[in-house]
Amino acid sequence: MQNSAQRRASELLVARHVVRALTERGIDAPKAENLIEDTELRNRDLSLFGLNSLDWIALATRLENEVGAEIPDHVLVSPEYRCVAGWGEAVLAARTAQVETHQSAH
C-alpha cells in the first residue's frame, strides 16, 4: 500500500505542472499547495481550469519525462480522472511500477 506521503508528493508534482501550464496560458493559477489541499480543486477536471486537450498532452509529456514512465491514457480522456488527484494517482502508480521493475531486475 502506498503511503500518504508518497501520494502527496505525486499530487504536488502534478499540481506544480498544472500551475505552470496555467501560467503559460495566461490563466490565473492557484498555488500548487492549494490544488492538493482543497478537495474541490484537487478533483476538478483540468478543462474547468481552462486547459484544453493540447495542454493535457503537453502536461502528460512533461510528467512522463520527469518520472520516466508513461501516464495511462485514461487520465487524459476520462473527466473523473483528469484532475490533480487522478493524475497524482497515475504518477504514483507509474513510480511504484518503476521501482518494482527495477527491484525485480536485480
C-alpha atoms as a PDB file:
ATOM      1  CA  MET A   1       0.000   0.000   0.000  1.00  0.00           C
ATOM      2  CA  GLN A   2       1.313   3.453  -0.897  1.00  0.00           C
ATOM      3  CA  ASN A   3       1.570   5.822   1.986  1.00  0.00           C
ATOM      4  CA  SER A   4       0.070   9.275   2.150  1.00  0.00           C
ATOM      5  CA  ALA A   5       3.469  10.997   1.881  1.00  0.00           C
ATOM      6  CA  GLN A   6       4.102   9.324  -1.495  1.00  0.00           C
ATOM      7  CA  ARG A   7       0.604  10.221  -2.682  1.00  0.00           C
ATOM      8  CA  ARG A   8       1.036  13.828  -1.547  1.00  0.00           C
ATOM      9  CA  ALA A   9       4.429  14.071  -3.281  1.00  0.00           C
ATOM     10  CA  SER A  10       2.931  12.739  -6.519  1.00  0.00           C
ATOM     11  CA  GLU A  11      -0.021  15.115  -6.330  1.00  0.00           C
ATOM     12  CA  LEU A  12       2.281  18.044  -5.558  1.00  0.00           C
ATOM     13  CA  LEU A  13       4.390  17.194  -8.613  1.00  0.00           C
ATOM     14  CA  VAL A  14       1.245  17.189 -10.759  1.00  0.00           C
ATOM     15  CA  ALA A  15      -0.042  20.387  -9.140  1.00  0.00           C
ATOM     16  CA  ARG A  16       3.204  22.205  -9.875  1.00  0.00           C
ATOM     17  CA  HIS A  17       2.984  21.210 -13.522  1.00  0.00           C
ATOM     18  CA  VAL A  18      -0.679  22.278 -13.663  1.00  0.00           C
ATOM     19  CA  VAL A  19       0.227  25.682 -12.208  1.00  0.00           C
ATOM     20  CA  ARG A  20       2.996  26.005 -14.796  1.00  0.00           C
ATOM     21  CA  ALA A  21       0.600  25.106 -17.629  1.00  0.00           C
ATOM     22  CA  LEU A  22      -1.998  27.593 -16.396  1.00  0.00           C
ATOM     23  CA  THR A  23       0.591  30.335 -16.029  1.00  0.00           C
ATOM     24  CA  GLU A  24       1.945  29.681 -19.535  1.00  0.00           C
ATOM     25  CA  ARG A  25      -1.595  30.074 -20.898  1.00  0.00           C
ATOM     26  CA  GLY A  26      -2.021  33.352 -19.012  1.00  0.00           C
ATOM     27  CA  ILE A  27      -4.616  31.856 -16.684  1.00  0.00           C
ATOM     28  CA  ASP A  28      -4.607  32.970 -13.046  1.00  0.00           C
ATOM     29  CA  ALA A  29      -3.361  29.887 -11.200  1.00  0.00           C
ATOM     30  CA  PRO A  30      -3.817  28.903  -7.562  1.00  0.00           C
ATOM     31  CA  LYS A  31      -0.775  27.844  -5.557  1.00  0.00           C
ATOM     32  CA  ALA A  32       0.248  24.227  -6.073  1.00  0.00           C
ATOM     33  CA  GLU A  33      -0.332  23.505  -2.375  1.00  0.00           C
ATOM     34  CA  ASN A  34      -3.915  24.789  -2.663  1.00  0.00           C
ATOM     35  CA  LEU A  35      -4.526  22.413  -5.571  1.00  0.00           C
ATOM     36  CA  ILE A  36      -3.827  19.435  -3.344  1.00  0.00           C
ATOM     37  CA  GLU A  37      -5.223  20.713  -0.043  1.00  0.00           C
ATOM     38  CA  ASP A  38      -8.606  21.899  -1.370  1.00  0.00           C
ATOM     39  CA  THR A  39     -10.733  18.826  -2.161  1.00  0.00           C
ATOM     40  CA  GLU A  40     -12.778  20.648  -4.804  1.00  0.00           C
ATOM     41  CA  LEU A  41      -9.667  21.887  -6.613  1.00  0.00           C
ATOM     42  CA  ARG A  42      -7.923  18.524  -6.236  1.00  0.00           C
ATOM     43  CA  ASN A  43     -10.775  16.790  -8.031  1.00  0.00           C
ATOM     44  CA  ARG A  44     -11.648  19.494 -10.584  1.00  0.00           C
ATOM     45  CA  ASP A  45     -11.417  18.455 -14.231  1.00  0.00           C
ATOM     46  CA  LEU A  46      -8.431  20.234 -15.773  1.00  0.00           C
ATOM     47  CA  SER A  47     -10.697  21.561 -18.520  1.00  0.00           C
ATOM     48  CA  LEU A  48     -12.578  23.579 -15.884  1.00  0.00           C
ATOM     49  CA  PHE A  49      -9.340  25.421 -15.129  1.00  0.00           C
ATOM     50  CA  GLY A  50      -9.191  26.477 -18.788  1.00  0.00           C
ATOM     51  CA  LEU A  51      -6.787  23.849 -20.093  1.00  0.00           C
ATOM     52  CA  ASN A  52      -7.594  22.047 -23.342  1.00  0.00           C
ATOM     53  CA  SER A  53      -6.619  18.692 -24.804  1.00  0.00           C
ATOM     54  CA  LEU A  54      -3.347  20.013 -26.231  1.00  0.00           C
ATOM     55  CA  ASP A  55      -2.472  21.340 -22.785  1.00  0.00           C
ATOM     56  CA  TRP A  56      -3.231  17.919 -21.239  1.00  0.00           C
ATOM     57  CA  ILE A  57      -0.981  16.198 -23.755  1.00  0.00           C
ATOM     58  CA  ALA A  58       1.847  18.650 -23.057  1.00  0.00           C
ATOM     59  CA  LEU A  59       1.284  18.212 -19.322  1.00  0.00           C
ATOM     60  CA  ALA A  60       1.363  14.422 -19.641  1.00  0.00           C
ATOM     61  CA  THR A  61       4.557  14.595 -21.687  1.00  0.00           C
ATOM     62  CA  ARG A  62       6.258  16.755 -19.074  1.00  0.00           C
ATOM     63  CA  LEU A  63       5.197  14.422 -16.286  1.00  0.00           C
ATOM     64  CA  GLU A  64       6.277  11.341 -18.237  1.00  0.00           C
ATOM     65  CA  ASN A  65       9.681  12.895 -18.868  1.00  0.00           C
ATOM     66  CA  GLU A  66      10.076  13.804 -15.214  1.00  0.00           C
ATOM     67  CA  VAL A  67       9.012  10.454 -13.745  1.00  0.00           C
ATOM     68  CA  GLY A  68      10.485   8.353 -16.550  1.00  0.00           C
ATOM     69  CA  ALA A  69       7.278   6.389 -17.097  1.00  0.00           C
ATOM     70  CA  GLU A  70       4.162   6.618 -19.232  1.00  0.00           C
ATOM     71  CA  ILE A  71       0.985   8.143 -17.807  1.00  0.00           C
ATOM     72  CA  PRO A  72      -2.053   5.968 -18.624  1.00  0.00           C
ATOM     73  CA  ASP A  73      -4.349   7.278 -21.367  1.00  0.00           C
ATOM     74  CA  HIS A  74      -7.449   7.150 -19.163  1.00  0.00           C
ATOM     75  CA  VAL A  75      -6.247  10.172 -17.173  1.00  0.00           C
ATOM     76  CA  LEU A  76      -6.297  12.173 -20.405  1.00  0.00           C
ATOM     77  CA  VAL A  77      -9.700  11.115 -21.668  1.00  0.00           C
ATOM     78  CA  SER A  78     -11.833  10.463 -18.584  1.00  0.00           C
ATOM     79  CA  PRO A  79     -13.040  13.654 -16.872  1.00  0.00           C
ATOM     80  CA  GLU A  80     -13.257  11.915 -13.491  1.00  0.00           C
ATOM     81  CA  TYR A  81      -9.508  11.134 -13.664  1.00  0.00           C
ATOM     82  CA  ARG A  82      -8.426  14.303 -15.494  1.00  0.00           C
ATOM     83  CA  CYS A  83      -7.638  16.162 -12.274  1.00  0.00           C
ATOM     84  CA  VAL A  84      -4.753  16.631  -9.849  1.00  0.00           C
ATOM     85  CA  ALA A  85      -5.933  13.678  -7.737  1.00  0.00           C
ATOM     86  CA  GLY A  86      -6.330  11.351 -10.742  1.00  0.00           C
ATOM     87  CA  TRP A  87      -3.043  12.323 -12.307  1.00  0.00           C
ATOM     88  CA  GLY A  88      -1.317  12.111  -8.937  1.00  0.00           C
ATOM     89  CA  GLU A  89      -2.570   8.554  -8.552  1.00  0.00           C
ATOM     90  CA  ALA A  90      -1.314   7.726 -12.061  1.00  0.00           C
ATOM     91  CA  VAL A  91       2.123   9.194 -11.296  1.00  0.00           C
ATOM     92  CA  LEU A  92       2.288   7.255  -8.039  1.00  0.00           C
ATOM     93  CA  ALA A  93       1.338   4.016  -9.817  1.00  0.00           C
ATOM     94  CA  ALA A  94       3.950   4.663 -12.539  1.00  0.00           C
ATOM     95  CA  ARG A  95       6.638   5.337  -9.941  1.00  0.00           C
ATOM     96  CA  THR A  96       5.683   2.239  -7.955  1.00  0.00           C
ATOM     97  CA  ALA A  97       5.777   0.064 -11.075  1.00  0.00           C
ATOM     98  CA  GLN A  98       9.168   1.510 -11.956  1.00  0.00           C
ATOM     99  CA  VAL A  99      10.590   0.667  -8.526  1.00  0.00           C
ATOM    100  CA  GLU A 100       9.143  -2.864  -8.633  1.00  0.00           C
ATOM    101  CA  THR A 101      10.543  -3.453 -12.125  1.00  0.00           C
ATOM    102  CA  HIS A 102      13.941  -2.165 -11.037  1.00  0.00           C
ATOM    103  CA  GLN A 103      13.935  -4.338  -7.925  1.00  0.00           C
ATOM    104  CA  SER A 104      12.923  -7.490  -9.786  1.00  0.00           C
ATOM    105  CA  ALA A 105      15.716  -6.920 -12.331  1.00  0.00           C
ATOM    106  CA  HIS A 106      18.344  -7.003  -9.587  1.00  0.00           C
END
